[in-house]
Amino acid sequence: MRSKGIKTIADNRQVRHEYFVLETFEAGIELVGTEVKSIRNGNVNLKDSWCSIDDGQLYVRGMHISPYEKGNIFNRDPLRKRRLLMHRREINKLYGTIKQESLTLVPLSLYFKDSKVKVQLALCKGKKLYDKRADAAKRDAKREIDRNIKIRNQ
């Protein structure tokens, strides 16, 4: 049996700054051929993307996949909503959790798992401004401690 080769295409690093990540999920994504070719070239942006559940279907919105330069008439709208592929019971569970606890579902990363394009989704709770400041202060303190340890060890 082959091992699963995972190659990351795009990360949404802004998510960890804006939200507390509570849980992550993996989903497939429904794409057309020219979109896959454009993704293989790395022409994708997850920065302002989010997920929504409409009529029992899970969609990612705001994900920008640049048109493939050799795709001519087969290219689609770069910002169109794209269906995510998950089991119905998982989507229903997510929908209930999002509505009850007022959480957000956002894509964390886009990657190839063997030859399939997958999306890592995160169930998130928004951070307040003071949470962001506390994280920045913690990160600066850790950096200062590491710097002092490195100086003492020389």
Protein backbone atom coordinates (compact mmCIF):
# COMPACT_ATOMS: atom_id res chain seq x y z
CA MET A 1 0.00 0.00 0.00
CA ARG A 2 1.24 3.48 -0.88
CA SER A 3 1.92 6.05 1.79
CA LYS A 4 -0.07 9.25 1.70
CA GLY A 5 2.05 12.02 0.19
CA ILE A 6 0.91 15.38 1.54
CA LYS A 7 2.05 18.57 -0.20
CA THR A 8 0.80 21.88 1.21
CA ILE A 9 -0.35 24.37 -1.42
CA ALA A 10 -1.61 27.32 0.62
CA ASP A 11 -1.95 28.24 4.31
CA ASN A 12 -4.28 30.76 5.88
CA ARG A 13 -1.97 32.02 8.63
CA GLN A 14 -4.27 34.91 9.48
CA VAL A 15 -6.78 32.47 11.03
CA ARG A 16 -4.60 31.72 14.06
CA HIS A 17 -4.24 35.45 14.68
CA GLU A 18 -7.96 36.26 14.36
CA TYR A 19 -9.50 33.14 15.96
CA PHE A 20 -9.07 30.45 18.61
CA VAL A 21 -8.95 27.16 16.68
CA LEU A 22 -11.11 24.63 18.55
CA GLU A 23 -11.23 21.68 16.16
CA THR A 24 -10.01 20.80 12.66
CA PHE A 25 -11.57 18.72 9.89
CA GLU A 26 -10.53 17.46 6.47
CA ALA A 27 -12.78 17.83 3.44
CA GLY A 28 -12.49 17.23 -0.26
CA ILE A 29 -13.26 20.04 -2.68
CA GLU A 30 -15.19 19.98 -5.96
CA LEU A 31 -13.08 21.66 -8.67
CA VAL A 32 -12.94 21.85 -12.46
CA GLY A 33 -9.84 20.88 -14.44
CA THR A 34 -8.40 24.35 -15.03
CA GLU A 35 -8.73 25.16 -11.32
CA VAL A 36 -6.67 22.09 -10.41
CA LYS A 37 -3.99 23.11 -12.90
CA SER A 38 -3.92 26.62 -11.46
CA ILE A 39 -3.65 25.18 -7.93
CA ARG A 40 -0.73 23.00 -9.03
CA ASN A 41 1.00 26.24 -10.11
CA GLY A 42 0.31 27.68 -6.63
CA ASN A 43 -2.14 30.37 -7.79
CA VAL A 44 -4.55 30.22 -4.86
CA ASN A 45 -5.30 32.59 -1.97
CA LEU A 46 -7.20 31.61 1.20
CA LYS A 47 -6.84 34.94 2.99
CA ASP A 48 -10.47 36.15 3.10
CA SER A 49 -12.21 32.81 2.70
CA TRP A 50 -14.87 31.28 4.94
CA CYS A 51 -17.29 28.36 4.86
CA SER A 52 -21.07 28.27 4.94
CA ILE A 53 -23.71 25.56 5.05
CA ASP A 54 -26.62 26.06 2.63
CA ASP A 55 -29.37 23.46 2.19
CA GLY A 56 -27.28 20.71 3.78
CA GLN A 57 -24.28 21.41 1.51
CA LEU A 58 -20.95 22.79 2.72
CA TYR A 59 -19.41 25.57 0.59
CA VAL A 60 -16.20 27.57 0.74
CA ARG A 61 -16.57 31.21 -0.27
CA GLY A 62 -14.01 33.89 -0.96
CA MET A 63 -11.24 31.45 -1.96
CA HIS A 64 -9.45 33.01 -4.92
CA ILE A 65 -8.10 30.56 -7.53
CA SER A 66 -6.49 32.55 -10.34
CA PRO A 67 -7.55 31.65 -13.88
CA TYR A 68 -5.24 29.16 -15.59
CA GLU A 69 -3.28 31.05 -18.27
CA LYS A 70 -3.84 28.34 -20.92
CA GLY A 71 -7.45 27.64 -19.91
CA ASN A 72 -9.19 30.17 -22.23
CA ILE A 73 -12.97 29.42 -22.33
CA PHE A 74 -12.75 26.67 -19.67
CA ASN A 75 -11.75 29.05 -16.87
CA ARG A 76 -14.36 29.76 -14.20
CA ASP A 77 -14.93 32.77 -11.96
CA PRO A 78 -11.94 32.98 -9.56
CA LEU A 79 -14.15 33.77 -6.54
CA ARG A 80 -17.05 31.37 -7.18
CA LYS A 81 -18.37 29.31 -4.27
CA ARG A 82 -16.98 25.78 -4.30
CA ARG A 83 -18.65 22.75 -2.74
CA LEU A 84 -16.77 20.88 -0.05
CA LEU A 85 -17.17 17.13 0.20
CA MET A 86 -17.95 15.68 3.64
CA HIS A 87 -20.36 13.05 4.93
CA ARG A 88 -23.89 14.27 5.56
CA ARG A 89 -23.77 13.45 9.28
CA GLU A 90 -20.52 15.43 9.66
CA ILE A 91 -22.08 18.45 7.93
CA ASN A 92 -25.20 18.22 10.13
CA LYS A 93 -23.06 17.96 13.27
CA LEU A 94 -21.03 21.01 12.18
CA TYR A 95 -24.19 22.96 11.39
CA GLY A 96 -25.64 22.27 14.85
CA THR A 97 -22.40 23.21 16.60
CA ILE A 98 -22.00 26.43 14.60
CA LYS A 99 -25.59 27.56 15.28
CA GLN A 100 -25.62 26.65 18.99
CA GLU A 101 -22.26 28.07 20.01
CA SER A 102 -22.01 30.84 17.37
CA LEU A 103 -18.70 29.62 15.96
CA THR A 104 -17.08 30.17 12.57
CA LEU A 105 -15.89 27.62 10.04
CA VAL A 106 -12.84 28.74 8.04
CA PRO A 107 -10.31 26.96 5.79
CA LEU A 108 -6.86 26.64 7.38
CA SER A 109 -4.96 25.13 4.48
CA LEU A 110 -5.22 23.62 1.02
CA TYR A 111 -3.08 20.62 0.18
CA PHE A 112 -2.62 17.62 -2.08
CA LYS A 113 -3.11 14.22 -0.45
CA ASP A 114 -1.75 11.90 -3.12
CA SER A 115 -3.47 13.35 -6.21
CA LYS A 116 -6.59 14.69 -4.46
CA VAL A 117 -6.99 18.32 -3.37
CA LYS A 118 -8.08 18.54 0.27
CA VAL A 119 -9.05 21.44 2.51
CA GLN A 120 -8.33 21.56 6.23
CA LEU A 121 -11.22 23.32 7.96
CA ALA A 122 -11.14 24.84 11.42
CA LEU A 123 -14.01 25.37 13.82
CA CYS A 124 -13.10 28.70 15.41
CA LYS A 125 -14.16 31.22 18.02
CA GLY A 126 -13.29 34.87 17.40
CA LYS A 127 -10.58 36.58 19.45
CA LYS A 128 -11.08 39.91 21.13
CA LEU A 129 -8.46 42.65 20.84
CA TYR A 130 -7.09 41.93 24.32
CA ASP A 131 -6.63 38.25 23.40
CA LYS A 132 -4.55 39.27 20.37
CA ARG A 133 -2.44 41.59 22.55
CA ALA A 134 -1.90 38.82 25.12
CA ASP A 135 -0.75 36.43 22.39
CA ALA A 136 1.67 39.02 21.01
CA ALA A 137 3.08 39.70 24.52
CA LYS A 138 3.49 35.95 25.14
CA ARG A 139 5.28 35.51 21.81
CA ASP A 140 7.62 38.45 22.55
CA ALA A 141 8.42 37.11 26.03
CA LYS A 142 9.24 33.67 24.64
CA ARG A 143 11.48 35.24 21.99
CA GLU A 144 13.32 37.24 24.68
CA ILE A 145 13.81 34.15 26.87
CA ASP A 146 15.15 32.14 23.93
CA ARG A 147 17.52 34.98 23.03
CA ASN A 148 18.88 35.15 26.62
CA ILE A 149 19.35 31.37 26.79
CA LYS A 150 21.24 31.42 23.51
CA ILE A 151 23.54 34.23 24.75
CA ARG A 152 24.28 32.38 28.04
CA ASN A 153 25.10 29.13 26.24
CA GLN A 154 27.76 30.74 24.06
